[in-house]
Amino acid sequence: MTDSQIKQLKDKVDDYRRFAFILIALSGFLMIGTVLPKQAVMSQGWLLAAVGGLLVLSVSLHGVAVKTQQLLLKEDD
């Protein structure tokens, strides 16, 4: 791999980790919104589905970051 490709992969790893952290934080805020009592009772099924989807997406982004990091480590050897 060239130096520019290695730098690009390192940048992608950083981006994937940032996105995963942001999605975990967002799902945490949404989960807090389902736990706190509200004046009007609304259907919270879509909110729980959104939290689950965000968590799945963040775990998958973390997995991509780990695989890309392993690819970079193999390339350094």
C-alpha atoms as a PDB file:
ATOM      1  CA  MET A   1       0.000   0.000   0.000  1.00  0.00           C
ATOM      2  CA  THR A   2       1.100   3.516  -0.611  1.00  0.00           C
ATOM      3  CA  ASP A   3       1.471   6.103   2.107  1.00  0.00           C
ATOM      4  CA  SER A   4      -1.657   7.924   0.968  1.00  0.00           C
ATOM      5  CA  GLN A   5      -3.724   4.725   1.177  1.00  0.00           C
ATOM      6  CA  ILE A   6      -2.402   3.994   4.669  1.00  0.00           C
ATOM      7  CA  LYS A   7      -3.215   7.541   5.786  1.00  0.00           C
ATOM      8  CA  GLN A   8      -6.681   7.225   4.262  1.00  0.00           C
ATOM      9  CA  LEU A   9      -7.309   3.958   6.135  1.00  0.00           C
ATOM     10  CA  LYS A  10      -6.120   5.498   9.414  1.00  0.00           C
ATOM     11  CA  ASP A  11      -8.500   8.404   8.866  1.00  0.00           C
ATOM     12  CA  LYS A  12     -11.342   5.968   8.185  1.00  0.00           C
ATOM     13  CA  VAL A  13     -10.617   4.091  11.413  1.00  0.00           C
ATOM     14  CA  ASP A  14     -10.793   7.357  13.352  1.00  0.00           C
ATOM     15  CA  ASP A  15     -14.028   8.335  11.605  1.00  0.00           C
ATOM     16  CA  TYR A  16     -15.670   4.959  12.241  1.00  0.00           C
ATOM     17  CA  ARG A  17     -14.787   5.147  15.927  1.00  0.00           C
ATOM     18  CA  ARG A  18     -16.129   8.700  16.200  1.00  0.00           C
ATOM     19  CA  PHE A  19     -19.368   7.753  14.455  1.00  0.00           C
ATOM     20  CA  ALA A  20     -19.788   4.720  16.705  1.00  0.00           C
ATOM     21  CA  PHE A  21     -19.288   6.846  19.822  1.00  0.00           C
ATOM     22  CA  ILE A  22     -21.744   9.479  18.586  1.00  0.00           C
ATOM     23  CA  LEU A  23     -24.360   6.814  17.848  1.00  0.00           C
ATOM     24  CA  ILE A  24     -23.926   5.283  21.300  1.00  0.00           C
ATOM     25  CA  ALA A  25     -24.337   8.713  22.896  1.00  0.00           C
ATOM     26  CA  LEU A  26     -27.428   9.430  20.786  1.00  0.00           C
ATOM     27  CA  SER A  27     -28.993   6.098  21.677  1.00  0.00           C
ATOM     28  CA  GLY A  28     -28.282   6.816  25.346  1.00  0.00           C
ATOM     29  CA  PHE A  29     -30.139  10.117  25.144  1.00  0.00           C
ATOM     30  CA  LEU A  30     -33.055   8.456  23.377  1.00  0.00           C
ATOM     31  CA  MET A  31     -33.137   5.700  25.981  1.00  0.00           C
ATOM     32  CA  ILE A  32     -33.227   8.275  28.771  1.00  0.00           C
ATOM     33  CA  GLY A  33     -36.195   9.827  26.972  1.00  0.00           C
ATOM     34  CA  THR A  34     -38.092   6.549  27.191  1.00  0.00           C
ATOM     35  CA  VAL A  35     -37.358   6.110  30.894  1.00  0.00           C
ATOM     36  CA  LEU A  36     -38.262   9.598  32.119  1.00  0.00           C
ATOM     37  CA  PRO A  37     -41.931  10.090  32.943  1.00  0.00           C
ATOM     38  CA  LYS A  38     -43.972  12.167  30.547  1.00  0.00           C
ATOM     39  CA  GLN A  39     -47.216  14.075  30.824  1.00  0.00           C
ATOM     40  CA  ALA A  40     -48.759  12.526  27.739  1.00  0.00           C
ATOM     41  CA  VAL A  41     -48.375   8.816  27.209  1.00  0.00           C
ATOM     42  CA  MET A  42     -47.155   8.112  23.692  1.00  0.00           C
ATOM     43  CA  SER A  43     -46.299   4.941  21.902  1.00  0.00           C
ATOM     44  CA  GLN A  44     -42.607   4.401  22.527  1.00  0.00           C
ATOM     45  CA  GLY A  45     -42.178   1.395  20.266  1.00  0.00           C
ATOM     46  CA  TRP A  46     -40.602   3.403  17.474  1.00  0.00           C
ATOM     47  CA  LEU A  47     -38.231   5.049  19.944  1.00  0.00           C
ATOM     48  CA  LEU A  48     -37.039   1.713  21.292  1.00  0.00           C
ATOM     49  CA  ALA A  49     -36.613   0.446  17.730  1.00  0.00           C
ATOM     50  CA  ALA A  50     -34.532   3.531  16.919  1.00  0.00           C
ATOM     51  CA  VAL A  51     -32.345   2.944  19.982  1.00  0.00           C
ATOM     52  CA  GLY A  52     -31.826  -0.678  18.977  1.00  0.00           C
ATOM     53  CA  GLY A  53     -31.022   0.291  15.403  1.00  0.00           C
ATOM     54  CA  LEU A  54     -28.507   2.895  16.518  1.00  0.00           C
ATOM     55  CA  LEU A  55     -26.818   0.406  18.828  1.00  0.00           C
ATOM     56  CA  VAL A  56     -26.585  -2.195  16.059  1.00  0.00           C
ATOM     57  CA  LEU A  57     -25.155   0.416  13.707  1.00  0.00           C
ATOM     58  CA  SER A  58     -22.591   1.559  16.271  1.00  0.00           C
ATOM     59  CA  VAL A  59     -21.460  -2.015  16.957  1.00  0.00           C
ATOM     60  CA  SER A  60     -21.108  -2.680  13.232  1.00  0.00           C
ATOM     61  CA  LEU A  61     -19.095   0.525  12.748  1.00  0.00           C
ATOM     62  CA  HIS A  62     -16.836  -0.499  15.606  1.00  0.00           C
ATOM     63  CA  GLY A  63     -16.350  -3.886  13.950  1.00  0.00           C
ATOM     64  CA  VAL A  64     -15.385  -2.223  10.676  1.00  0.00           C
ATOM     65  CA  ALA A  65     -12.918  -0.016  12.549  1.00  0.00           C
ATOM     66  CA  VAL A  66     -11.330  -3.048  14.212  1.00  0.00           C
ATOM     67  CA  LYS A  67     -11.015  -4.924  10.906  1.00  0.00           C
ATOM     68  CA  THR A  68      -9.482  -1.893   9.224  1.00  0.00           C
ATOM     69  CA  GLN A  69      -7.065  -1.446  12.127  1.00  0.00           C
ATOM     70  CA  GLN A  70      -6.013  -5.098  11.807  1.00  0.00           C
ATOM     71  CA  LEU A  71      -5.463  -4.578   8.084  1.00  0.00           C
ATOM     72  CA  LEU A  72      -3.201  -1.635   8.867  1.00  0.00           C
ATOM     73  CA  LEU A  73      -1.249  -3.646  11.431  1.00  0.00           C
ATOM     74  CA  LYS A  74      -0.706  -6.460   8.921  1.00  0.00           C
ATOM     75  CA  GLU A  75       0.461  -3.919   6.377  1.00  0.00           C
ATOM     76  CA  ASP A  76       3.051  -2.522   8.805  1.00  0.00           C
ATOM     77  CA  ASP A  77       4.608  -5.977   9.275  1.00  0.00           C
END
